[in-house]
Structure formats: C-alpha cells, structure tokens
Amino acid sequence: MHYRIVVFFLWLIFKIFGRIEYKGRENFPPQGTPFLFCSNHDTYLDPPILAVTCRHRLGFLAKEELFGNKIFGFIIHSLGAIPLDRNAGDVRAIRAALKILKTNRPMVVFPQGTRGRTLYEYDAGAGFLAKKANVPVIAAHIYGAENILPKGKKFLSFSKIRVVVGKVDNIFPADTYEEISAKIMAKIRSL
C-alpha cells in the first residue's frame, strides 16, 4: 500500500518539476505478468521515474552503497530495491531478482550498469536475467531527467521529462546473454 502512496507523491513531483509525459505505455503487459523493464540510466531520478511510468509494482536492483544510510536503505528496500554488489558476481542479488520475476512481478534493470555510461556501453546482466527468467523485456528511454537534477545540484529544477516505452520483441532462445543485452540497448537507443 505504501508503495502506491510513494509513487503518487513522486508522480506529483515529476508532474510539477518535469511536466512528465509518456509514450508507449500500452506496451506494458497486463498486471500479474512478470517482465524485465530496462532503461537508460543518466541520473538518480531514473528509478522513481520508471516507478511512476509503470503501473505495476516494480522490483529494482540498486547498488549496495545506497543502503549505507539506514533510513534511506530501509525506504528503498521497502519499495522493492535489492542491494547489488557491482564489484563482484552477486549471486544473492541475482537469485532475489529471479525470485521476484517468478512471483509475477516486473524487475527494473539498467543495462548500462551505472549512471553516465553511453548508450553503447553495457553489461550482459540484463541479457542473463531475461534468458534465465524467460520473461518479456520492455525497454524505456528517459529524456530530460538530467535537467531536473543536474550533476552537482542538490535541488530540483523545472524542465521537461519524456519517457518512451517499447517492447523488445526480437529476442530468441538461441541468443547469448551478450546478444540479448545488445538487442535491449539497441531498442533503448531507438526509442
């Protein structure tokens, strides 16, 4: 219940500061259908923007450093974030993500792995999860979030956020993890 309340307040913030708009939301599967939700990753605002964009309750992989602050860690954990050690093959986090997908909930993954990488830099993790879970993949491209919270700033600015959503429908069982991740990123770039 509190997930929906938090998402509502985030929506208000993005509506006021970002005049947020969406395109392609009809591409989301029906409620109760698990899917991998992949997006570009430019700012700290990307996970809440995706939560506002998608009407499903989402799970997230988040760098474990975000859980260092006990209060913030508790909040993001209660909202579905799973801590991920990006410096090692974090089997525990991957198992937790697969468990969420098996309980018919979508999971957010940023194929770039971290903020600030180009749309041509990515890891095979999204492909791994998509193949292991055997779930549909939905891609999103977030535009303008970096203008709402510019690097080095502590306060939100007024700007425009646009989120474009599309299906990644060219994944095949024979594809490798790397090929699947490449197809996901190609879709994100095309949106």
N, C-alpha and C. Protein backbone atom coordinates (compact mmCIF):
# COMPACT_ATOMS: atom_id res chain seq x y z
N MET A 1 0.81 -1.20 0.00
CA MET A 1 0.00 0.00 0.00
C MET A 1 0.86 1.27 0.00
N HIS A 2 1.91 1.28 0.85
CA HIS A 2 2.72 2.49 0.90
C HIS A 2 3.50 2.69 -0.39
N TYR A 3 3.73 1.61 -1.17
CA TYR A 3 4.39 1.75 -2.48
C TYR A 3 3.57 2.71 -3.35
N ARG A 4 2.27 2.49 -3.42
CA ARG A 4 1.39 3.33 -4.23
C ARG A 4 1.36 4.78 -3.75
N ILE A 5 1.39 4.97 -2.45
CA ILE A 5 1.38 6.33 -1.89
C ILE A 5 2.67 7.06 -2.28
N VAL A 6 3.81 6.37 -2.14
CA VAL A 6 5.09 6.97 -2.51
C VAL A 6 5.12 7.29 -4.00
N VAL A 7 4.65 6.36 -4.82
CA VAL A 7 4.64 6.57 -6.27
C VAL A 7 3.73 7.75 -6.63
N PHE A 8 2.61 7.90 -5.94
CA PHE A 8 1.73 9.04 -6.19
C PHE A 8 2.45 10.36 -5.91
N PHE A 9 3.15 10.44 -4.78
CA PHE A 9 3.87 11.67 -4.45
C PHE A 9 5.02 11.92 -5.43
N LEU A 10 5.67 10.86 -5.87
CA LEU A 10 6.71 11.02 -6.90
C LEU A 10 6.10 11.55 -8.18
N TRP A 11 4.95 11.02 -8.56
CA TRP A 11 4.26 11.49 -9.76
C TRP A 11 3.96 12.98 -9.66
N LEU A 12 3.49 13.43 -8.49
CA LEU A 12 3.22 14.85 -8.29
C LEU A 12 4.48 15.69 -8.49
N ILE A 13 5.58 15.22 -7.91
CA ILE A 13 6.85 15.95 -8.04
C ILE A 13 7.27 16.03 -9.50
N PHE A 14 7.19 14.90 -10.21
CA PHE A 14 7.61 14.89 -11.62
C PHE A 14 6.63 15.66 -12.51
N LYS A 15 5.38 15.70 -12.11
CA LYS A 15 4.40 16.48 -12.88
C LYS A 15 4.67 17.97 -12.71
N ILE A 16 5.01 18.38 -11.50
CA ILE A 16 5.28 19.80 -11.21
C ILE A 16 6.62 20.23 -11.79
N PHE A 17 7.68 19.51 -11.45
CA PHE A 17 9.02 19.92 -11.86
C PHE A 17 9.37 19.49 -13.29
N GLY A 18 8.82 18.35 -13.73
CA GLY A 18 9.22 17.80 -15.02
C GLY A 18 8.16 17.76 -16.08
N ARG A 19 6.93 18.18 -15.72
CA ARG A 19 5.84 18.08 -16.69
C ARG A 19 5.93 16.74 -17.45
N ILE A 20 6.06 15.66 -16.68
CA ILE A 20 6.34 14.33 -17.24
C ILE A 20 5.29 13.89 -18.24
N GLU A 21 5.76 13.33 -19.34
CA GLU A 21 4.89 12.78 -20.40
C GLU A 21 5.36 11.38 -20.74
N TYR A 22 4.43 10.55 -21.20
CA TYR A 22 4.74 9.17 -21.54
C TYR A 22 4.28 8.87 -22.96
N LYS A 23 5.00 7.97 -23.59
CA LYS A 23 4.58 7.45 -24.90
C LYS A 23 4.84 5.95 -24.88
N GLY A 24 3.85 5.17 -25.31
CA GLY A 24 4.03 3.73 -25.43
C GLY A 24 3.68 2.91 -24.20
N ARG A 25 2.97 3.50 -23.24
CA ARG A 25 2.63 2.75 -22.03
C ARG A 25 1.74 1.54 -22.31
N GLU A 26 1.10 1.53 -23.47
CA GLU A 26 0.27 0.38 -23.84
C GLU A 26 1.12 -0.87 -24.08
N ASN A 27 2.44 -0.72 -24.17
CA ASN A 27 3.34 -1.86 -24.39
C ASN A 27 3.58 -2.68 -23.12
N PHE A 28 3.16 -2.19 -21.96
CA PHE A 28 3.33 -2.97 -20.73
C PHE A 28 2.38 -4.16 -20.76
N PRO A 29 2.86 -5.33 -20.33
CA PRO A 29 1.96 -6.49 -20.21
C PRO A 29 0.91 -6.24 -19.14
N PRO A 30 -0.14 -7.07 -19.11
CA PRO A 30 -1.18 -6.91 -18.08
C PRO A 30 -0.62 -7.16 -16.67
N GLN A 31 -1.33 -6.64 -15.67
CA GLN A 31 -0.94 -6.87 -14.27
C GLN A 31 -0.80 -8.38 -14.04
N GLY A 32 0.17 -8.75 -13.21
CA GLY A 32 0.39 -10.16 -12.90
C GLY A 32 1.31 -10.85 -13.87
N THR A 33 1.80 -10.14 -14.88
CA THR A 33 2.73 -10.71 -15.84
C THR A 33 4.14 -10.23 -15.52
N PRO A 34 5.07 -11.13 -15.27
CA PRO A 34 6.43 -10.69 -14.98
C PRO A 34 7.12 -10.22 -16.27
N PHE A 35 7.97 -9.23 -16.14
CA PHE A 35 8.77 -8.79 -17.28
C PHE A 35 9.99 -8.05 -16.77
N LEU A 36 10.99 -7.98 -17.61
CA LEU A 36 12.19 -7.22 -17.31
C LEU A 36 12.00 -5.83 -17.90
N PHE A 37 12.19 -4.81 -17.09
CA PHE A 37 11.99 -3.42 -17.51
C PHE A 37 13.36 -2.76 -17.54
N CYS A 38 13.86 -2.47 -18.74
CA CYS A 38 15.22 -1.95 -18.92
C CYS A 38 15.18 -0.53 -19.48
N SER A 39 16.09 0.30 -18.99
CA SER A 39 16.10 1.70 -19.40
C SER A 39 17.53 2.23 -19.41
N ASN A 40 17.67 3.38 -20.07
CA ASN A 40 18.93 4.13 -19.95
C ASN A 40 19.03 4.64 -18.52
N HIS A 41 20.25 5.02 -18.11
CA HIS A 41 20.46 5.42 -16.72
C HIS A 41 21.40 6.61 -16.67
N ASP A 42 20.82 7.81 -16.54
CA ASP A 42 21.62 9.04 -16.51
C ASP A 42 21.64 9.73 -15.15
N THR A 43 20.59 9.56 -14.35
CA THR A 43 20.51 10.28 -13.08
C THR A 43 19.95 9.39 -11.98
N TYR A 44 20.06 9.89 -10.75
CA TYR A 44 19.46 9.20 -9.60
C TYR A 44 17.94 9.17 -9.70
N LEU A 45 17.36 10.01 -10.52
CA LEU A 45 15.91 10.09 -10.65
C LEU A 45 15.32 8.98 -11.53
N ASP A 46 16.16 8.25 -12.25
CA ASP A 46 15.64 7.25 -13.19
C ASP A 46 14.77 6.18 -12.53
N PRO A 47 15.19 5.55 -11.42
CA PRO A 47 14.29 4.55 -10.81
C PRO A 47 12.92 5.10 -10.42
N PRO A 48 12.84 6.26 -9.73
CA PRO A 48 11.49 6.76 -9.43
C PRO A 48 10.71 7.16 -10.67
N ILE A 49 11.39 7.63 -11.71
CA ILE A 49 10.68 7.97 -12.95
C ILE A 49 10.06 6.71 -13.55
N LEU A 50 10.79 5.60 -13.52
CA LEU A 50 10.25 4.34 -14.05
C LEU A 50 9.09 3.84 -13.20
N ALA A 51 9.18 4.02 -11.87
CA ALA A 51 8.08 3.61 -10.99
C ALA A 51 6.81 4.38 -11.31
N VAL A 52 6.96 5.65 -11.65
CA VAL A 52 5.81 6.50 -11.99
C VAL A 52 5.28 6.13 -13.38
N THR A 53 6.16 5.74 -14.27
CA THR A 53 5.78 5.41 -15.65
C THR A 53 4.97 4.13 -15.73
N CYS A 54 5.36 3.14 -14.93
CA CYS A 54 4.74 1.81 -14.99
C CYS A 54 3.73 1.64 -13.87
N ARG A 55 2.56 1.15 -14.18
CA ARG A 55 1.51 0.99 -13.17
C ARG A 55 1.68 -0.28 -12.34
N HIS A 56 2.65 -1.11 -12.69
CA HIS A 56 2.94 -2.32 -11.93
C HIS A 56 3.83 -1.97 -10.74
N ARG A 57 3.78 -2.76 -9.71
CA ARG A 57 4.74 -2.61 -8.60
C ARG A 57 6.04 -3.24 -9.07
N LEU A 58 7.11 -2.46 -9.03
CA LEU A 58 8.40 -2.88 -9.59
C LEU A 58 9.38 -3.32 -8.52
N GLY A 59 10.27 -4.23 -8.91
CA GLY A 59 11.44 -4.55 -8.12
C GLY A 59 12.63 -3.87 -8.80
N PHE A 60 13.68 -3.56 -8.03
CA PHE A 60 14.84 -2.85 -8.57
C PHE A 60 16.12 -3.50 -8.07
N LEU A 61 17.12 -3.52 -8.91
CA LEU A 61 18.47 -3.81 -8.45
C LEU A 61 19.13 -2.47 -8.21
N ALA A 62 19.70 -2.27 -7.03
CA ALA A 62 20.31 -0.99 -6.68
C ALA A 62 21.69 -1.24 -6.07
N LYS A 63 22.63 -0.37 -6.40
CA LYS A 63 23.98 -0.56 -5.86
C LYS A 63 23.93 -0.56 -4.34
N GLU A 64 24.70 -1.47 -3.75
CA GLU A 64 24.61 -1.67 -2.30
C GLU A 64 25.02 -0.43 -1.51
N GLU A 65 25.79 0.47 -2.10
CA GLU A 65 26.19 1.69 -1.40
C GLU A 65 24.98 2.54 -1.00
N LEU A 66 23.89 2.43 -1.75
CA LEU A 66 22.68 3.20 -1.43
C LEU A 66 22.04 2.75 -0.12
N PHE A 67 22.39 1.55 0.34
CA PHE A 67 21.81 1.01 1.56
C PHE A 67 22.66 1.37 2.79
N GLY A 68 23.75 2.11 2.58
CA GLY A 68 24.65 2.51 3.67
C GLY A 68 23.96 3.39 4.70
N ASN A 69 23.11 4.29 4.24
CA ASN A 69 22.30 5.11 5.15
C ASN A 69 21.11 4.26 5.58
N LYS A 70 21.01 3.98 6.86
CA LYS A 70 20.00 3.04 7.37
C LYS A 70 18.57 3.46 7.02
N ILE A 71 18.27 4.74 7.13
CA ILE A 71 16.91 5.20 6.86
C ILE A 71 16.60 5.09 5.37
N PHE A 72 17.49 5.63 4.53
CA PHE A 72 17.27 5.56 3.09
C PHE A 72 17.26 4.11 2.61
N GLY A 73 18.17 3.30 3.17
CA GLY A 73 18.21 1.88 2.82
C GLY A 73 16.91 1.17 3.15
N PHE A 74 16.35 1.49 4.32
CA PHE A 74 15.07 0.89 4.71
C PHE A 74 13.96 1.30 3.74
N ILE A 75 13.94 2.58 3.37
CA ILE A 75 12.90 3.08 2.47
C ILE A 75 12.98 2.40 1.10
N ILE A 76 14.18 2.38 0.51
CA ILE A 76 14.26 1.80 -0.84
C ILE A 76 14.07 0.28 -0.80
N HIS A 77 14.49 -0.36 0.29
CA HIS A 77 14.25 -1.80 0.41
C HIS A 77 12.75 -2.08 0.50
N SER A 78 12.03 -1.27 1.26
CA SER A 78 10.58 -1.47 1.39
C SER A 78 9.85 -1.17 0.08
N LEU A 79 10.50 -0.42 -0.80
CA LEU A 79 9.90 -0.13 -2.11
C LEU A 79 10.31 -1.13 -3.18
N GLY A 80 11.06 -2.16 -2.78
CA GLY A 80 11.38 -3.23 -3.73
C GLY A 80 12.80 -3.24 -4.24
N ALA A 81 13.71 -2.44 -3.66
CA ALA A 81 15.09 -2.43 -4.11
C ALA A 81 15.87 -3.58 -3.47
N ILE A 82 16.70 -4.21 -4.28
CA ILE A 82 17.57 -5.29 -3.84
C ILE A 82 19.01 -4.79 -3.93
N PRO A 83 19.78 -4.88 -2.84
CA PRO A 83 21.17 -4.42 -2.91
C PRO A 83 22.01 -5.32 -3.82
N LEU A 84 22.83 -4.69 -4.65
CA LEU A 84 23.68 -5.41 -5.60
C LEU A 84 25.12 -4.94 -5.43
N ASP A 85 26.01 -5.90 -5.21
CA ASP A 85 27.44 -5.61 -5.16
C ASP A 85 27.93 -5.61 -6.60
N ARG A 86 28.21 -4.43 -7.13
CA ARG A 86 28.60 -4.31 -8.55
C ARG A 86 30.05 -4.72 -8.79
N ASN A 87 30.82 -4.90 -7.73
CA ASN A 87 32.24 -5.24 -7.89
C ASN A 87 32.49 -6.74 -7.90
N ALA A 88 31.44 -7.52 -7.72
CA ALA A 88 31.58 -8.97 -7.70
C ALA A 88 30.33 -9.58 -8.33
N GLY A 89 30.43 -10.82 -8.73
CA GLY A 89 29.25 -11.52 -9.24
C GLY A 89 28.32 -11.79 -8.07
N ASP A 90 27.34 -10.94 -7.86
CA ASP A 90 26.47 -11.01 -6.69
C ASP A 90 25.35 -12.02 -6.93
N VAL A 91 25.64 -13.28 -6.63
CA VAL A 91 24.69 -14.37 -6.86
C VAL A 91 23.42 -14.17 -6.03
N ARG A 92 23.57 -13.68 -4.79
CA ARG A 92 22.42 -13.47 -3.92
C ARG A 92 21.43 -12.49 -4.54
N ALA A 93 21.93 -11.38 -5.09
CA ALA A 93 21.07 -10.38 -5.70
C ALA A 93 20.40 -10.92 -6.95
N ILE A 94 21.13 -11.68 -7.74
CA ILE A 94 20.57 -12.26 -8.97
C ILE A 94 19.45 -13.25 -8.61
N ARG A 95 19.70 -14.07 -7.59
CA ARG A 95 18.65 -15.01 -7.15
C ARG A 95 17.41 -14.26 -6.66
N ALA A 96 17.62 -13.18 -5.93
CA ALA A 96 16.48 -12.39 -5.44
C ALA A 96 15.70 -11.78 -6.60
N ALA A 97 16.42 -11.29 -7.62
CA ALA A 97 15.75 -10.72 -8.80
C ALA A 97 14.95 -11.78 -9.53
N LEU A 98 15.53 -12.97 -9.70
CA LEU A 98 14.81 -14.06 -10.36
C LEU A 98 13.58 -14.48 -9.55
N LYS A 99 13.70 -14.46 -8.23
CA LYS A 99 12.57 -14.80 -7.37
C LYS A 99 11.42 -13.81 -7.56
N ILE A 100 11.75 -12.53 -7.65
CA ILE A 100 10.71 -11.51 -7.89
C ILE A 100 10.01 -11.77 -9.22
N LEU A 101 10.80 -12.07 -10.26
CA LEU A 101 10.20 -12.35 -11.58
C LEU A 101 9.33 -13.60 -11.53
N LYS A 102 9.71 -14.60 -10.73
CA LYS A 102 8.92 -15.82 -10.63
C LYS A 102 7.63 -15.62 -9.83
N THR A 103 7.55 -14.52 -9.07
CA THR A 103 6.31 -14.22 -8.35
C THR A 103 5.44 -13.27 -9.17
N ASN A 104 5.69 -13.24 -10.47
CA ASN A 104 4.86 -12.47 -11.42
C ASN A 104 4.93 -10.97 -11.21
N ARG A 105 6.11 -10.47 -10.80
CA ARG A 105 6.33 -9.03 -10.69
C ARG A 105 7.44 -8.63 -11.65
N PRO A 106 7.36 -7.42 -12.19
CA PRO A 106 8.43 -6.93 -13.06
C PRO A 106 9.65 -6.48 -12.28
N MET A 107 10.78 -6.50 -12.95
CA MET A 107 12.06 -6.14 -12.35
C MET A 107 12.74 -5.10 -13.23
N VAL A 108 13.21 -4.02 -12.62
CA VAL A 108 13.93 -2.97 -13.35
C VAL A 108 15.43 -3.28 -13.34
N VAL A 109 16.04 -3.18 -14.51
CA VAL A 109 17.49 -3.36 -14.65
C VAL A 109 17.99 -2.27 -15.59
N PHE A 110 19.11 -1.69 -15.22
CA PHE A 110 19.76 -0.71 -16.09
C PHE A 110 20.94 -1.40 -16.76
N PRO A 111 20.82 -1.77 -18.05
CA PRO A 111 21.89 -2.50 -18.73
C PRO A 111 23.24 -1.79 -18.71
N GLN A 112 23.24 -0.46 -18.62
CA GLN A 112 24.49 0.29 -18.57
C GLN A 112 25.24 0.00 -17.28
N GLY A 113 24.54 -0.50 -16.28
CA GLY A 113 25.17 -0.88 -15.02
C GLY A 113 25.37 0.26 -14.05
N THR A 114 25.56 1.44 -14.54
CA THR A 114 25.77 2.60 -13.70
C THR A 114 25.41 3.85 -14.47
N ARG A 115 25.26 4.95 -13.74
CA ARG A 115 24.91 6.21 -14.40
C ARG A 115 26.08 6.72 -15.23
N GLY A 116 25.74 7.44 -16.29
CA GLY A 116 26.75 8.18 -17.03
C GLY A 116 27.46 7.44 -18.14
N ARG A 117 27.25 6.15 -18.28
CA ARG A 117 27.85 5.45 -19.41
C ARG A 117 27.06 5.78 -20.67
N THR A 118 27.68 5.65 -21.81
CA THR A 118 26.97 5.94 -23.06
C THR A 118 25.97 4.82 -23.35
N LEU A 119 25.10 5.04 -24.30
CA LEU A 119 24.13 4.02 -24.68
C LEU A 119 24.77 2.88 -25.47
N TYR A 120 26.08 2.96 -25.67
CA TYR A 120 26.81 1.88 -26.34
C TYR A 120 27.67 1.10 -25.36
N GLU A 121 27.61 1.47 -24.07
CA GLU A 121 28.33 0.76 -23.02
C GLU A 121 27.31 0.05 -22.14
N TYR A 122 27.45 -1.27 -22.01
CA TYR A 122 26.50 -2.03 -21.21
C TYR A 122 27.13 -3.36 -20.80
N ASP A 123 26.47 -4.00 -19.84
CA ASP A 123 26.92 -5.30 -19.35
C ASP A 123 25.94 -6.37 -19.84
N ALA A 124 26.30 -7.62 -19.64
CA ALA A 124 25.45 -8.73 -20.08
C ALA A 124 24.41 -9.12 -19.03
N GLY A 125 24.36 -8.40 -17.90
CA GLY A 125 23.45 -8.77 -16.82
C GLY A 125 21.98 -8.78 -17.20
N ALA A 126 21.55 -7.80 -17.97
CA ALA A 126 20.14 -7.76 -18.39
C ALA A 126 19.82 -8.96 -19.27
N GLY A 127 20.73 -9.29 -20.17
CA GLY A 127 20.53 -10.46 -21.02
C GLY A 127 20.48 -11.74 -20.22
N PHE A 128 21.34 -11.83 -19.20
CA PHE A 128 21.35 -13.00 -18.32
C PHE A 128 20.00 -13.17 -17.63
N LEU A 129 19.51 -12.09 -17.03
CA LEU A 129 18.21 -12.17 -16.32
C LEU A 129 17.06 -12.49 -17.28
N ALA A 130 17.07 -11.85 -18.45
CA ALA A 130 15.99 -12.10 -19.42
C ALA A 130 15.97 -13.56 -19.85
N LYS A 131 17.14 -14.12 -20.09
CA LYS A 131 17.22 -15.51 -20.55
C LYS A 131 16.90 -16.49 -19.43
N LYS A 132 17.45 -16.26 -18.24
CA LYS A 132 17.21 -17.17 -17.12
C LYS A 132 15.75 -17.16 -16.69
N ALA A 133 15.13 -15.99 -16.66
CA ALA A 133 13.74 -15.89 -16.22
C ALA A 133 12.75 -16.20 -17.34
N ASN A 134 13.23 -16.10 -18.60
CA ASN A 134 12.38 -16.35 -19.76
C ASN A 134 11.11 -15.50 -19.70
N VAL A 135 11.33 -14.18 -19.55
CA VAL A 135 10.21 -13.24 -19.45
C VAL A 135 10.32 -12.21 -20.58
N PRO A 136 9.21 -11.55 -20.91
CA PRO A 136 9.28 -10.47 -21.90
C PRO A 136 10.17 -9.33 -21.40
N VAL A 137 10.71 -8.57 -22.34
CA VAL A 137 11.54 -7.43 -21.99
C VAL A 137 10.87 -6.17 -22.54
N ILE A 138 10.71 -5.20 -21.67
CA ILE A 138 10.17 -3.89 -22.05
C ILE A 138 11.31 -2.88 -21.88
N ALA A 139 11.49 -2.03 -22.87
CA ALA A 139 12.56 -1.03 -22.83
C ALA A 139 11.94 0.35 -22.67
N ALA A 140 12.71 1.25 -22.07
CA ALA A 140 12.28 2.63 -21.93
C ALA A 140 13.48 3.54 -22.17
N HIS A 141 13.20 4.69 -22.75
CA HIS A 141 14.23 5.73 -22.90
C HIS A 141 13.71 6.97 -22.18
N ILE A 142 14.47 7.40 -21.17
CA ILE A 142 14.10 8.58 -20.39
C ILE A 142 14.85 9.78 -20.96
N TYR A 143 14.12 10.81 -21.30
CA TYR A 143 14.69 12.05 -21.81
C TYR A 143 14.47 13.18 -20.80
N GLY A 144 15.49 13.96 -20.56
CA GLY A 144 15.34 15.19 -19.79
C GLY A 144 15.54 15.08 -18.29
N ALA A 145 15.68 13.89 -17.73
CA ALA A 145 15.82 13.76 -16.28
C ALA A 145 17.08 14.46 -15.77
N GLU A 146 18.11 14.47 -16.59
CA GLU A 146 19.36 15.12 -16.18
C GLU A 146 19.21 16.62 -16.01
N ASN A 147 18.17 17.20 -16.60
CA ASN A 147 17.92 18.63 -16.45
C ASN A 147 17.14 18.96 -15.17
N ILE A 148 16.43 17.98 -14.64
CA ILE A 148 15.65 18.17 -13.41
C ILE A 148 16.60 18.19 -12.20
N LEU A 149 17.57 17.29 -12.23
CA LEU A 149 18.56 17.23 -11.15
C LEU A 149 19.94 17.18 -11.79
N PRO A 150 20.45 18.34 -12.22
CA PRO A 150 21.77 18.36 -12.87
C PRO A 150 22.87 17.88 -11.91
N LYS A 151 23.92 17.34 -12.50
CA LYS A 151 25.05 16.84 -11.72
C LYS A 151 25.58 17.94 -10.81
N GLY A 152 25.82 17.59 -9.56
CA GLY A 152 26.36 18.55 -8.60
C GLY A 152 25.31 19.41 -7.91
N LYS A 153 24.06 19.33 -8.35
CA LYS A 153 22.99 20.14 -7.74
C LYS A 153 22.27 19.32 -6.67
N LYS A 154 21.73 20.00 -5.68
CA LYS A 154 21.02 19.33 -4.60
C LYS A 154 19.52 19.56 -4.66
N PHE A 155 19.09 20.49 -5.51
CA PHE A 155 17.67 20.83 -5.58
C PHE A 155 17.16 20.62 -7.01
N LEU A 156 15.88 20.27 -7.10
CA LEU A 156 15.27 20.03 -8.40
C LEU A 156 15.08 21.35 -9.16
N SER A 157 15.23 21.27 -10.47
CA SER A 157 14.98 22.39 -11.36
C SER A 157 13.74 22.07 -12.20
N PHE A 158 13.14 23.08 -12.77
CA PHE A 158 12.00 22.88 -13.66
C PHE A 158 12.52 22.56 -15.05
N SER A 159 11.99 21.51 -15.65
CA SER A 159 12.36 21.13 -17.00
C SER A 159 11.28 20.18 -17.52
N LYS A 160 11.60 19.40 -18.53
CA LYS A 160 10.63 18.50 -19.16
C LYS A 160 11.19 17.09 -19.12
N ILE A 161 10.37 16.12 -18.70
CA ILE A 161 10.75 14.70 -18.73
C ILE A 161 9.82 14.00 -19.71
N ARG A 162 10.42 13.19 -20.57
CA ARG A 162 9.64 12.39 -21.51
C ARG A 162 10.14 10.95 -21.41
N VAL A 163 9.21 10.00 -21.30
CA VAL A 163 9.57 8.59 -21.22
C VAL A 163 8.89 7.87 -22.38
N VAL A 164 9.69 7.18 -23.19
CA VAL A 164 9.17 6.42 -24.32
C VAL A 164 9.39 4.94 -24.02
N VAL A 165 8.32 4.15 -24.16
CA VAL A 165 8.33 2.73 -23.79
C VAL A 165 8.06 1.88 -25.03
N GLY A 166 8.79 0.76 -25.16
CA GLY A 166 8.57 -0.15 -26.28
C GLY A 166 8.93 -1.59 -25.92
N LYS A 167 8.39 -2.52 -26.68
CA LYS A 167 8.69 -3.95 -26.47
C LYS A 167 9.99 -4.32 -27.19
N VAL A 168 10.76 -5.17 -26.55
CA VAL A 168 11.93 -5.77 -27.22
C VAL A 168 11.43 -7.13 -27.71
N ASP A 169 11.08 -7.19 -28.98
CA ASP A 169 10.41 -8.38 -29.49
C ASP A 169 11.27 -9.19 -30.46
N ASN A 170 12.59 -8.99 -30.41
CA ASN A 170 13.46 -9.74 -31.32
C ASN A 170 14.46 -10.60 -30.55
N ILE A 171 14.07 -11.09 -29.37
CA ILE A 171 14.92 -11.97 -28.58
C ILE A 171 14.52 -13.41 -28.86
N PHE A 172 15.53 -14.26 -29.10
CA PHE A 172 15.29 -15.66 -29.45
C PHE A 172 16.00 -16.58 -28.46
N PRO A 173 15.50 -17.81 -28.27
CA PRO A 173 16.11 -18.73 -27.30
C PRO A 173 17.60 -18.99 -27.53
N ALA A 174 18.04 -18.95 -28.76
CA ALA A 174 19.44 -19.23 -29.06
C ALA A 174 20.38 -18.05 -28.78
N ASP A 175 19.82 -16.88 -28.52
CA ASP A 175 20.64 -15.69 -28.27
C ASP A 175 21.47 -15.86 -27.01
N THR A 176 22.69 -15.35 -27.04
CA THR A 176 23.54 -15.34 -25.85
C THR A 176 23.13 -14.18 -24.95
N TYR A 177 23.66 -14.18 -23.73
CA TYR A 177 23.37 -13.07 -22.81
C TYR A 177 23.81 -11.75 -23.43
N GLU A 178 24.99 -11.76 -24.05
CA GLU A 178 25.53 -10.54 -24.66
C GLU A 178 24.65 -10.06 -25.82
N GLU A 179 24.18 -11.01 -26.64
CA GLU A 179 23.31 -10.64 -27.77
C GLU A 179 21.98 -10.05 -27.28
N ILE A 180 21.43 -10.63 -26.21
CA ILE A 180 20.17 -10.12 -25.66
C ILE A 180 20.37 -8.71 -25.12
N SER A 181 21.46 -8.51 -24.36
CA SER A 181 21.75 -7.16 -23.84
C SER A 181 21.94 -6.17 -24.97
N ALA A 182 22.62 -6.58 -26.03
CA ALA A 182 22.83 -5.70 -27.19
C ALA A 182 21.50 -5.33 -27.84
N LYS A 183 20.58 -6.29 -27.94
CA LYS A 183 19.27 -6.01 -28.53
C LYS A 183 18.45 -5.07 -27.63
N ILE A 184 18.57 -5.26 -26.33
CA ILE A 184 17.86 -4.37 -25.39
C ILE A 184 18.38 -2.94 -25.55
N MET A 185 19.70 -2.78 -25.58
CA MET A 185 20.27 -1.44 -25.71
C MET A 185 19.95 -0.82 -27.07
N ALA A 186 19.92 -1.63 -28.11
CA ALA A 186 19.54 -1.12 -29.44
C ALA A 186 18.11 -0.59 -29.42
N LYS A 187 17.24 -1.30 -28.70
CA LYS A 187 15.85 -0.84 -28.60
C LYS A 187 15.76 0.46 -27.81
N ILE A 188 16.51 0.53 -26.70
CA ILE A 188 16.52 1.77 -25.90
C ILE A 188 16.99 2.94 -26.76
N ARG A 189 18.06 2.74 -27.52
CA ARG A 189 18.57 3.82 -28.39
C ARG A 189 17.54 4.23 -29.44
N SER A 190 16.74 3.28 -29.91
CA SER A 190 15.79 3.57 -30.99
C SER A 190 14.54 4.30 -30.53
N LEU A 191 14.28 4.28 -29.24
CA LEU A 191 13.04 4.88 -28.73
C LEU A 191 13.11 6.40 -28.70
